Amino acid sequence: MNRTVYLNGEWLAETEAKVSVFDRGFLFADAIYEVTAVIDGKLIDYPGHAARLRRSLDALGIAMPVEDAELLTLHKEIAKRNGITEGLIYLQVSRGVQDRDFLFPETMTPSFVMFTQAKRVLDNPKWKTGLSLQTVPEGRWSERQIKTVQLLYSSVQKTQAHRNGFDDVLFVENGFITEASSANFHIVTAEGELITRDLSNALLHGITRGSIVDLARQAGVVAHERAFTVEEAKSANEAFLTSATSFVTPVVSLDGQAIGTGKVGPVSQRLLEIYIREQLSRALPIAD
């Protein structure tokens, strides 16, 4: 790879981009991140990601490293420098560098890094076949609405699920589903109504999740935001995940039991088509 990386105000070759071993993101996972998809040279759902970035930073008391206008300029510039017309733009902001200490000063200079990943976002084979999920106990920290880099539990559980023959995991807390390892989870009832977990600190406030709920309602789909059980999910007609990197991905089985017909359902397909069409029509072009 020969990417250009943005690090604390500098454009560097990826081999030259270094972060201190004393960075609190490395020592304490004291950092947040965002990922924005790029399709056809356009930033998908960018305003939502930028707003959530600020909310996450404010929740942890980390300073916003750049102004809003500069943040957008940096997204466009890094895509241009790396020739990304389809793929992902990742950014991470940590509290900054200090000698290892559980206590941190009120004001620190954050570390800010951005990089790109070339990916054929629109060529997702799971959109046609669907996903197989496994339920596991919720074991993450309680402030999941903040998009922190504390992803170890999710990574370990998803890796084990893959080894067990599943595509991903669903976290379950007190009998209710929270979300998948890196995506929000939704079901469609026998009556064709959409149900998604209501927003709280139990789950990430997904940008794609919010867009899909809004688009579903605009398309005449009744949508409810409430907690639901594993049993409700298994008896649903359809289920799907939403995320910034895979948009709307159908789920066809849970714990080895087929959901609905065990095949990709029409509501999931329709919402995916609507989301791609609508987001491309309103996306921010990288080229000025």
C-alpha atoms as a PDB file:
ATOM      1  CA  MET A   1       0.000   0.000   0.000  1.00  0.00           C
ATOM      2  CA  ASN A   2       1.124   3.521  -0.707  1.00  0.00           C
ATOM      3  CA  ARG A   3      -1.524   5.713   0.829  1.00  0.00           C
ATOM      4  CA  THR A   4      -1.260   9.284   2.024  1.00  0.00           C
ATOM      5  CA  VAL A   5      -2.338   9.696   5.641  1.00  0.00           C
ATOM      6  CA  TYR A   6      -3.363  12.865   7.445  1.00  0.00           C
ATOM      7  CA  LEU A   7      -1.846  13.148  10.920  1.00  0.00           C
ATOM      8  CA  ASN A   8      -2.045  16.214  13.142  1.00  0.00           C
ATOM      9  CA  GLY A   9      -1.919  18.759  10.351  1.00  0.00           C
ATOM     10  CA  GLU A  10       0.516  16.922   8.058  1.00  0.00           C
ATOM     11  CA  TRP A  11       0.108  14.837   4.916  1.00  0.00           C
ATOM     12  CA  LEU A  12       2.422  11.839   5.230  1.00  0.00           C
ATOM     13  CA  ALA A  13       3.174   8.575   3.480  1.00  0.00           C
ATOM     14  CA  GLU A  14       1.517   5.804   5.475  1.00  0.00           C
ATOM     15  CA  THR A  15       4.934   4.357   6.362  1.00  0.00           C
ATOM     16  CA  GLU A  16       5.922   7.706   7.894  1.00  0.00           C
ATOM     17  CA  ALA A  17       2.742   8.337   9.895  1.00  0.00           C
ATOM     18  CA  LYS A  18       3.501   7.558  13.554  1.00  0.00           C
ATOM     19  CA  VAL A  19       1.575   8.076  16.794  1.00  0.00           C
ATOM     20  CA  SER A  20       3.307   8.234  20.163  1.00  0.00           C
ATOM     21  CA  VAL A  21       3.314   5.129  22.398  1.00  0.00           C
ATOM     22  CA  PHE A  22       2.151   7.524  25.120  1.00  0.00           C
ATOM     23  CA  ASP A  23      -1.005   8.445  23.215  1.00  0.00           C
ATOM     24  CA  ARG A  24      -4.055   7.802  25.387  1.00  0.00           C
ATOM     25  CA  GLY A  25      -5.788   6.152  22.460  1.00  0.00           C
ATOM     26  CA  PHE A  26      -3.127   3.431  22.584  1.00  0.00           C
ATOM     27  CA  LEU A  27      -2.861   3.199  26.375  1.00  0.00           C
ATOM     28  CA  PHE A  28      -6.516   3.598  27.406  1.00  0.00           C
ATOM     29  CA  ALA A  29      -8.646   3.352  24.233  1.00  0.00           C
ATOM     30  CA  ASP A  30      -9.355   7.020  25.031  1.00  0.00           C
ATOM     31  CA  ALA A  31     -10.424   7.904  21.506  1.00  0.00           C
ATOM     32  CA  ILE A  32     -13.373   8.018  19.133  1.00  0.00           C
ATOM     33  CA  TYR A  33     -13.705   7.311  15.422  1.00  0.00           C
ATOM     34  CA  GLU A  34     -15.961   7.772  12.412  1.00  0.00           C
ATOM     35  CA  VAL A  35     -16.182   6.085   9.005  1.00  0.00           C
ATOM     36  CA  THR A  36     -17.733   7.707   5.942  1.00  0.00           C
ATOM     37  CA  ALA A  37     -18.445   5.775   2.757  1.00  0.00           C
ATOM     38  CA  VAL A  38     -17.524   7.153  -0.663  1.00  0.00           C
ATOM     39  CA  ILE A  39     -19.510   6.153  -3.748  1.00  0.00           C
ATOM     40  CA  ASP A  40     -19.097   7.606  -7.225  1.00  0.00           C
ATOM     41  CA  GLY A  41     -16.827  10.303  -5.800  1.00  0.00           C
ATOM     42  CA  LYS A  42     -19.419  11.412  -3.210  1.00  0.00           C
ATOM     43  CA  LEU A  43     -19.463  11.367   0.599  1.00  0.00           C
ATOM     44  CA  ILE A  44     -22.447   9.333   1.814  1.00  0.00           C
ATOM     45  CA  ASP A  45     -24.447  10.592   4.834  1.00  0.00           C
ATOM     46  CA  TYR A  46     -21.560  12.930   5.707  1.00  0.00           C
ATOM     47  CA  PRO A  47     -23.503  15.533   7.773  1.00  0.00           C
ATOM     48  CA  GLY A  48     -24.689  12.818  10.167  1.00  0.00           C
ATOM     49  CA  HIS A  49     -21.189  11.452  10.662  1.00  0.00           C
ATOM     50  CA  ALA A  50     -19.760  14.917  11.274  1.00  0.00           C
ATOM     51  CA  ALA A  51     -22.482  15.682  13.834  1.00  0.00           C
ATOM     52  CA  ARG A  52     -21.959  12.367  15.657  1.00  0.00           C
ATOM     53  CA  LEU A  53     -18.213  13.004  15.742  1.00  0.00           C
ATOM     54  CA  ARG A  54     -18.811  16.220  17.656  1.00  0.00           C
ATOM     55  CA  ARG A  55     -21.336  14.538  19.993  1.00  0.00           C
ATOM     56  CA  SER A  56     -18.889  11.733  20.813  1.00  0.00           C
ATOM     57  CA  LEU A  57     -16.037  14.173  21.448  1.00  0.00           C
ATOM     58  CA  ASP A  58     -18.243  16.356  23.638  1.00  0.00           C
ATOM     59  CA  ALA A  59     -19.373  13.319  25.638  1.00  0.00           C
ATOM     60  CA  LEU A  60     -15.762  12.454  26.469  1.00  0.00           C
ATOM     61  CA  GLY A  61     -14.578  16.045  26.858  1.00  0.00           C
ATOM     62  CA  ILE A  62     -12.123  15.806  23.962  1.00  0.00           C
ATOM     63  CA  ALA A  63     -11.529  18.964  21.946  1.00  0.00           C
ATOM     64  CA  MET A  64     -12.700  19.050  18.330  1.00  0.00           C
ATOM     65  CA  PRO A  65      -9.391  19.063  16.428  1.00  0.00           C
ATOM     66  CA  VAL A  66     -10.578  21.187  13.469  1.00  0.00           C
ATOM     67  CA  GLU A  67     -13.503  23.412  12.546  1.00  0.00           C
ATOM     68  CA  ASP A  68     -16.460  21.914  10.682  1.00  0.00           C
ATOM     69  CA  ALA A  69     -15.555  23.489   7.333  1.00  0.00           C
ATOM     70  CA  GLU A  70     -11.974  22.231   7.558  1.00  0.00           C
ATOM     71  CA  LEU A  71     -13.173  18.742   8.452  1.00  0.00           C
ATOM     72  CA  LEU A  72     -15.171  18.565   5.228  1.00  0.00           C
ATOM     73  CA  THR A  73     -12.216  19.943   3.261  1.00  0.00           C
ATOM     74  CA  LEU A  74      -9.959  17.249   4.757  1.00  0.00           C
ATOM     75  CA  HIS A  75     -12.381  14.502   3.733  1.00  0.00           C
ATOM     76  CA  LYS A  76     -12.391  15.761   0.162  1.00  0.00           C
ATOM     77  CA  GLU A  77      -8.620  16.261   0.088  1.00  0.00           C
ATOM     78  CA  ILE A  78      -7.700  12.822   1.443  1.00  0.00           C
ATOM     79  CA  ALA A  79     -10.008  11.183  -1.087  1.00  0.00           C
ATOM     80  CA  LYS A  80      -8.369  13.149  -3.903  1.00  0.00           C
ATOM     81  CA  ARG A  81      -4.817  12.426  -2.721  1.00  0.00           C
ATOM     82  CA  ASN A  82      -5.535   8.691  -2.593  1.00  0.00           C
ATOM     83  CA  GLY A  83      -7.667   8.506  -5.716  1.00  0.00           C
ATOM     84  CA  ILE A  84     -10.685   7.187  -3.801  1.00  0.00           C
ATOM     85  CA  THR A  85     -13.931   7.318  -5.762  1.00  0.00           C
ATOM     86  CA  GLU A  86     -15.406   4.273  -3.990  1.00  0.00           C
ATOM     87  CA  GLY A  87     -14.358   3.141  -0.544  1.00  0.00           C
ATOM     88  CA  LEU A  88     -14.127   4.416   3.023  1.00  0.00           C
ATOM     89  CA  ILE A  89     -12.629   7.382   4.859  1.00  0.00           C
ATOM     90  CA  TYR A  90     -11.677   6.590   8.468  1.00  0.00           C
ATOM     91  CA  LEU A  91     -10.822   9.153  11.098  1.00  0.00           C
ATOM     92  CA  GLN A  92      -9.765   8.780  14.723  1.00  0.00           C
ATOM     93  CA  VAL A  93      -9.352  11.385  17.435  1.00  0.00           C
ATOM     94  CA  SER A  94      -7.685  10.550  20.748  1.00  0.00           C
ATOM     95  CA  ARG A  95      -7.418  12.747  23.820  1.00  0.00           C
ATOM     96  CA  GLY A  96      -3.713  13.161  23.102  1.00  0.00           C
ATOM     97  CA  VAL A  97      -0.296  12.353  24.510  1.00  0.00           C
ATOM     98  CA  GLN A  98       0.776  12.312  28.168  1.00  0.00           C
ATOM     99  CA  ASP A  99       2.787  10.055  30.448  1.00  0.00           C
ATOM    100  CA  ARG A 100       0.662   7.077  31.469  1.00  0.00           C
ATOM    101  CA  ASP A 101      -1.790   8.136  34.168  1.00  0.00           C
ATOM    102  CA  PHE A 102      -5.439   7.341  34.838  1.00  0.00           C
ATOM    103  CA  LEU A 103      -5.918  11.047  35.559  1.00  0.00           C
ATOM    104  CA  PHE A 104      -5.771  13.431  32.638  1.00  0.00           C
ATOM    105  CA  PRO A 105      -5.686  17.241  32.580  1.00  0.00           C
ATOM    106  CA  GLU A 106      -8.770  19.187  31.611  1.00  0.00           C
ATOM    107  CA  THR A 107      -7.145  20.512  28.434  1.00  0.00           C
ATOM    108  CA  MET A 108      -5.044  18.379  26.090  1.00  0.00           C
ATOM    109  CA  THR A 109      -4.095  18.585  22.418  1.00  0.00           C
ATOM    110  CA  PRO A 110      -5.898  15.751  20.640  1.00  0.00           C
ATOM    111  CA  SER A 111      -4.244  13.386  18.164  1.00  0.00           C
ATOM    112  CA  PHE A 112      -6.094  13.369  14.845  1.00  0.00           C
ATOM    113  CA  VAL A 113      -5.543  10.830  12.068  1.00  0.00           C
ATOM    114  CA  MET A 114      -7.360  10.119   8.802  1.00  0.00           C
ATOM    115  CA  PHE A 115      -6.810   7.413   6.208  1.00  0.00           C
ATOM    116  CA  THR A 116      -8.667   5.825   3.290  1.00  0.00           C
ATOM    117  CA  GLN A 117      -9.574   2.280   2.341  1.00  0.00           C
ATOM    118  CA  ALA A 118     -10.324   1.435  -1.287  1.00  0.00           C
ATOM    119  CA  LYS A 119     -13.364  -0.859  -1.328  1.00  0.00           C
ATOM    120  CA  ARG A 120     -16.109  -1.770  -3.765  1.00  0.00           C
ATOM    121  CA  VAL A 121     -18.885  -0.677  -1.441  1.00  0.00           C
ATOM    122  CA  LEU A 122     -21.633  -1.447  -3.960  1.00  0.00           C
ATOM    123  CA  ASP A 123     -20.324  -4.956  -4.606  1.00  0.00           C
ATOM    124  CA  ASN A 124     -21.477  -6.631  -1.391  1.00  0.00           C
ATOM    125  CA  PRO A 125     -22.312 -10.331  -1.945  1.00  0.00           C
ATOM    126  CA  LYS A 126     -24.201 -10.515   1.360  1.00  0.00           C
ATOM    127  CA  TRP A 127     -26.878  -8.205  -0.047  1.00  0.00           C
ATOM    128  CA  LYS A 128     -27.983 -11.174  -2.179  1.00  0.00           C
ATOM    129  CA  THR A 129     -27.400 -14.079   0.225  1.00  0.00           C
ATOM    130  CA  GLY A 130     -28.002 -12.483   3.625  1.00  0.00           C
ATOM    131  CA  LEU A 131     -26.160 -12.935   6.914  1.00  0.00           C
ATOM    132  CA  SER A 132     -26.174 -15.661   9.533  1.00  0.00           C
ATOM    133  CA  LEU A 133     -25.975 -14.265  13.074  1.00  0.00           C
ATOM    134  CA  GLN A 134     -25.298 -15.709  16.521  1.00  0.00           C
ATOM    135  CA  THR A 135     -26.551 -14.242  19.788  1.00  0.00           C
ATOM    136  CA  VAL A 136     -23.994 -13.654  22.552  1.00  0.00           C
ATOM    137  CA  PRO A 137     -24.189 -11.932  25.947  1.00  0.00           C
ATOM    138  CA  GLU A 138     -23.671  -8.164  25.963  1.00  0.00           C
ATOM    139  CA  GLY A 139     -20.236  -7.505  27.436  1.00  0.00           C
ATOM    140  CA  ARG A 140     -19.323  -4.011  26.301  1.00  0.00           C
ATOM    141  CA  TRP A 141     -19.129  -0.897  28.431  1.00  0.00           C
ATOM    142  CA  SER A 142     -22.379   0.902  29.161  1.00  0.00           C
ATOM    143  CA  GLU A 143     -21.834   4.124  27.164  1.00  0.00           C
ATOM    144  CA  ARG A 144     -22.276   2.550  23.731  1.00  0.00           C
ATOM    145  CA  GLN A 145     -23.844   5.665  22.209  1.00  0.00           C
ATOM    146  CA  ILE A 146     -20.327   7.165  22.107  1.00  0.00           C
ATOM    147  CA  LYS A 147     -18.430   5.857  19.077  1.00  0.00           C
ATOM    148  CA  THR A 148     -15.239   4.979  20.935  1.00  0.00           C
ATOM    149  CA  VAL A 149     -12.412   2.713  19.785  1.00  0.00           C
ATOM    150  CA  GLN A 150     -13.166   0.247  22.601  1.00  0.00           C
ATOM    151  CA  LEU A 151     -13.910  -2.555  20.158  1.00  0.00           C
ATOM    152  CA  LEU A 152     -12.020  -5.495  21.668  1.00  0.00           C
ATOM    153  CA  TYR A 153     -15.084  -7.367  22.937  1.00  0.00           C
ATOM    154  CA  SER A 154     -16.846  -6.904  19.603  1.00  0.00           C
ATOM    155  CA  SER A 155     -13.769  -8.062  17.712  1.00  0.00           C
ATOM    156  CA  VAL A 156     -13.244 -11.163  19.868  1.00  0.00           C
ATOM    157  CA  GLN A 157     -16.910 -12.193  19.717  1.00  0.00           C
ATOM    158  CA  LYS A 158     -17.219 -11.652  15.964  1.00  0.00           C
ATOM    159  CA  THR A 159     -14.019 -13.594  15.308  1.00  0.00           C
ATOM    160  CA  GLN A 160     -15.277 -16.512  17.417  1.00  0.00           C
ATOM    161  CA  ALA A 161     -18.626 -16.401  15.623  1.00  0.00           C
ATOM    162  CA  HIS A 162     -16.817 -16.665  12.275  1.00  0.00           C
ATOM    163  CA  ARG A 163     -14.978 -19.714  13.551  1.00  0.00           C
ATOM    164  CA  ASN A 164     -18.365 -21.165  14.517  1.00  0.00           C
ATOM    165  CA  GLY A 165     -19.693 -20.643  10.983  1.00  0.00           C
ATOM    166  CA  PHE A 166     -21.623 -17.390  11.529  1.00  0.00           C
ATOM    167  CA  ASP A 167     -21.151 -14.013   9.852  1.00  0.00           C
ATOM    168  CA  ASP A 168     -21.626 -11.820  12.922  1.00  0.00           C
ATOM    169  CA  VAL A 169     -22.993 -11.630  16.460  1.00  0.00           C
ATOM    170  CA  LEU A 170     -25.993  -9.990  18.092  1.00  0.00           C
ATOM    171  CA  PHE A 171     -25.491  -8.741  21.624  1.00  0.00           C
ATOM    172  CA  VAL A 172     -28.251  -9.555  24.099  1.00  0.00           C
ATOM    173  CA  GLU A 173     -28.789  -7.744  27.402  1.00  0.00           C
ATOM    174  CA  ASN A 174     -31.532  -8.694  29.879  1.00  0.00           C
ATOM    175  CA  GLY A 175     -33.256 -10.674  27.144  1.00  0.00           C
ATOM    176  CA  PHE A 176     -33.324  -7.806  24.639  1.00  0.00           C
ATOM    177  CA  ILE A 177     -31.163  -7.366  21.538  1.00  0.00           C
ATOM    178  CA  THR A 178     -28.976  -4.266  21.549  1.00  0.00           C
ATOM    179  CA  GLU A 179     -27.084  -4.415  18.229  1.00  0.00           C
ATOM    180  CA  ALA A 180     -24.522  -6.359  16.202  1.00  0.00           C
ATOM    181  CA  SER A 181     -20.737  -6.098  16.575  1.00  0.00           C
ATOM    182  CA  SER A 182     -20.539  -2.993  14.389  1.00  0.00           C
ATOM    183  CA  ALA A 183     -24.052  -2.403  13.068  1.00  0.00           C
ATOM    184  CA  ASN A 184     -27.608  -1.703  14.177  1.00  0.00           C
ATOM    185  CA  PHE A 185     -30.178  -4.520  13.922  1.00  0.00           C
ATOM    186  CA  HIS A 186     -33.773  -4.288  12.662  1.00  0.00           C
ATOM    187  CA  ILE A 187     -36.672  -6.671  12.135  1.00  0.00           C
ATOM    188  CA  VAL A 188     -39.766  -6.638   9.926  1.00  0.00           C
ATOM    189  CA  THR A 189     -42.919  -8.151  11.390  1.00  0.00           C
ATOM    190  CA  ALA A 190     -45.496 -10.358   9.675  1.00  0.00           C
ATOM    191  CA  GLU A 191     -47.575  -7.184   9.226  1.00  0.00           C
ATOM    192  CA  GLY A 192     -44.703  -5.554   7.323  1.00  0.00           C
ATOM    193  CA  GLU A 193     -43.843  -3.112  10.113  1.00  0.00           C
ATOM    194  CA  LEU A 194     -40.258  -2.129  10.874  1.00  0.00           C
ATOM    195  CA  ILE A 195     -39.007  -2.430  14.446  1.00  0.00           C
ATOM    196  CA  THR A 196     -35.657  -1.066  15.579  1.00  0.00           C
ATOM    197  CA  ARG A 197     -34.201  -0.577  19.040  1.00  0.00           C
ATOM    198  CA  ASP A 198     -34.959   2.870  20.466  1.00  0.00           C
ATOM    199  CA  LEU A 199     -32.014   5.192  21.014  1.00  0.00           C
ATOM    200  CA  SER A 200     -30.281   5.129  24.387  1.00  0.00           C
ATOM    201  CA  ASN A 201     -26.795   4.562  25.751  1.00  0.00           C
ATOM    202  CA  ALA A 202     -27.338   0.817  25.144  1.00  0.00           C
ATOM    203  CA  LEU A 203     -26.447   1.100  21.474  1.00  0.00           C
ATOM    204  CA  LEU A 204     -24.670   3.283  18.957  1.00  0.00           C
ATOM    205  CA  HIS A 205     -26.853   5.969  17.411  1.00  0.00           C
ATOM    206  CA  GLY A 206     -26.195   4.774  13.882  1.00  0.00           C
ATOM    207  CA  ILE A 207     -26.294   7.362  11.123  1.00  0.00           C
ATOM    208  CA  THR A 208     -27.479   4.801   8.569  1.00  0.00           C
ATOM    209  CA  ARG A 209     -30.010   3.536  11.121  1.00  0.00           C
ATOM    210  CA  GLY A 210     -31.564   6.993  11.390  1.00  0.00           C
ATOM    211  CA  SER A 211     -31.646   7.470   7.629  1.00  0.00           C
ATOM    212  CA  ILE A 212     -33.298   4.088   7.071  1.00  0.00           C
ATOM    213  CA  VAL A 213     -36.015   4.730   9.659  1.00  0.00           C
ATOM    214  CA  ASP A 214     -36.788   8.092   8.034  1.00  0.00           C
ATOM    215  CA  LEU A 215     -36.766   6.650   4.500  1.00  0.00           C
ATOM    216  CA  ALA A 216     -38.938   3.713   5.536  1.00  0.00           C
ATOM    217  CA  ARG A 217     -41.569   6.050   6.949  1.00  0.00           C
ATOM    218  CA  GLN A 218     -41.443   8.205   3.820  1.00  0.00           C
ATOM    219  CA  ALA A 219     -42.023   5.029   1.776  1.00  0.00           C
ATOM    220  CA  GLY A 220     -45.138   4.207   3.800  1.00  0.00           C
ATOM    221  CA  VAL A 221     -43.604   1.587   6.094  1.00  0.00           C
ATOM    222  CA  VAL A 222     -44.806   1.779   9.685  1.00  0.00           C
ATOM    223  CA  ALA A 223     -41.710   2.001  11.902  1.00  0.00           C
ATOM    224  CA  HIS A 224     -41.520   1.466  15.661  1.00  0.00           C
ATOM    225  CA  GLU A 225     -38.536   2.303  17.850  1.00  0.00           C
ATOM    226  CA  ARG A 226     -38.557   0.019  20.900  1.00  0.00           C
ATOM    227  CA  ALA A 227     -36.709  -2.844  22.541  1.00  0.00           C
ATOM    228  CA  PHE A 228     -37.425  -6.358  21.261  1.00  0.00           C
ATOM    229  CA  THR A 229     -36.430  -9.869  22.261  1.00  0.00           C
ATOM    230  CA  VAL A 230     -34.493 -12.656  20.586  1.00  0.00           C
ATOM    231  CA  GLU A 231     -37.751 -14.575  20.243  1.00  0.00           C
ATOM    232  CA  GLU A 232     -39.361 -11.673  18.362  1.00  0.00           C
ATOM    233  CA  ALA A 233     -36.384 -11.550  16.018  1.00  0.00           C
ATOM    234  CA  LYS A 234     -36.543 -15.269  15.307  1.00  0.00           C
ATOM    235  CA  SER A 235     -40.265 -15.063  14.522  1.00  0.00           C
ATOM    236  CA  ALA A 236     -39.916 -11.997  12.276  1.00  0.00           C
ATOM    237  CA  ASN A 237     -40.569 -12.065   8.536  1.00  0.00           C
ATOM    238  CA  GLU A 238     -37.276 -10.306   7.796  1.00  0.00           C
ATOM    239  CA  ALA A 239     -34.271  -8.844   9.544  1.00  0.00           C
ATOM    240  CA  PHE A 240     -31.339  -6.698   8.480  1.00  0.00           C
ATOM    241  CA  LEU A 241     -28.308  -4.779   9.704  1.00  0.00           C
ATOM    242  CA  THR A 242     -27.487  -1.161   8.910  1.00  0.00           C
ATOM    243  CA  SER A 243     -24.082   0.495   8.970  1.00  0.00           C
ATOM    244  CA  ALA A 244     -22.066   3.147   7.167  1.00  0.00           C
ATOM    245  CA  THR A 245     -19.949   0.493   5.440  1.00  0.00           C
ATOM    246  CA  SER A 246     -22.609  -1.997   4.327  1.00  0.00           C
ATOM    247  CA  PHE A 247     -25.796   0.147   4.261  1.00  0.00           C
ATOM    248  CA  VAL A 248     -28.678  -2.379   4.502  1.00  0.00           C
ATOM    249  CA  THR A 249     -27.582  -6.014   4.744  1.00  0.00           C
ATOM    250  CA  PRO A 250     -30.255  -8.723   5.106  1.00  0.00           C
ATOM    251  CA  VAL A 251     -30.088 -11.303   7.907  1.00  0.00           C
ATOM    252  CA  VAL A 252     -31.514 -14.710   7.000  1.00  0.00           C
ATOM    253  CA  SER A 253     -30.833 -16.767  10.144  1.00  0.00           C
ATOM    254  CA  LEU A 254     -30.258 -16.353  13.868  1.00  0.00           C
ATOM    255  CA  ASP A 255     -28.617 -19.033  16.005  1.00  0.00           C
ATOM    256  CA  GLY A 256     -29.114 -21.479  13.157  1.00  0.00           C
ATOM    257  CA  GLN A 257     -32.865 -20.799  12.837  1.00  0.00           C
ATOM    258  CA  ALA A 258     -34.188 -19.325   9.601  1.00  0.00           C
ATOM    259  CA  ILE A 259     -35.789 -15.889   9.779  1.00  0.00           C
ATOM    260  CA  GLY A 260     -38.891 -15.794   7.605  1.00  0.00           C
ATOM    261  CA  THR A 261     -38.250 -17.828   4.478  1.00  0.00           C
ATOM    262  CA  GLY A 262     -34.534 -17.952   5.192  1.00  0.00           C
ATOM    263  CA  LYS A 263     -33.919 -15.796   2.126  1.00  0.00           C
ATOM    264  CA  VAL A 264     -33.454 -12.085   1.488  1.00  0.00           C
ATOM    265  CA  GLY A 265     -36.832 -10.387   1.900  1.00  0.00           C
ATOM    266  CA  PRO A 266     -38.542  -7.681  -0.181  1.00  0.00           C
ATOM    267  CA  VAL A 267     -38.576  -4.948   2.484  1.00  0.00           C
ATOM    268  CA  SER A 268     -34.806  -5.238   3.029  1.00  0.00           C
ATOM    269  CA  GLN A 269     -34.192  -5.135  -0.725  1.00  0.00           C
ATOM    270  CA  ARG A 270     -36.479  -2.146  -1.179  1.00  0.00           C
ATOM    271  CA  LEU A 271     -34.897  -0.152   1.647  1.00  0.00           C
ATOM    272  CA  LEU A 272     -31.401  -0.852   0.299  1.00  0.00           C
ATOM    273  CA  GLU A 273     -32.402   0.420  -3.139  1.00  0.00           C
ATOM    274  CA  ILE A 274     -34.079   3.508  -1.676  1.00  0.00           C
ATOM    275  CA  TYR A 275     -31.118   4.268   0.576  1.00  0.00           C
ATOM    276  CA  ILE A 276     -28.537   4.085  -2.221  1.00  0.00           C
ATOM    277  CA  ARG A 277     -30.676   6.167  -4.582  1.00  0.00           C
ATOM    278  CA  GLU A 278     -31.532   8.829  -2.020  1.00  0.00           C
ATOM    279  CA  GLN A 279     -28.064   9.114  -0.517  1.00  0.00           C
ATOM    280  CA  LEU A 280     -26.384   9.434  -3.905  1.00  0.00           C
ATOM    281  CA  SER A 281     -28.820  12.196  -4.836  1.00  0.00           C
ATOM    282  CA  ARG A 282     -27.972  14.223  -1.720  1.00  0.00           C
ATOM    283  CA  ALA A 283     -24.322  13.185  -1.167  1.00  0.00           C
ATOM    284  CA  LEU A 284     -21.515  15.759  -1.093  1.00  0.00           C
ATOM    285  CA  PRO A 285     -19.220  15.584  -4.145  1.00  0.00           C
ATOM    286  CA  ILE A 286     -15.519  15.287  -3.411  1.00  0.00           C
ATOM    287  CA  ALA A 287     -14.612  17.320  -6.473  1.00  0.00           C
ATOM    288  CA  ASP A 288     -15.528  21.001  -6.113  1.00  0.00           C
END
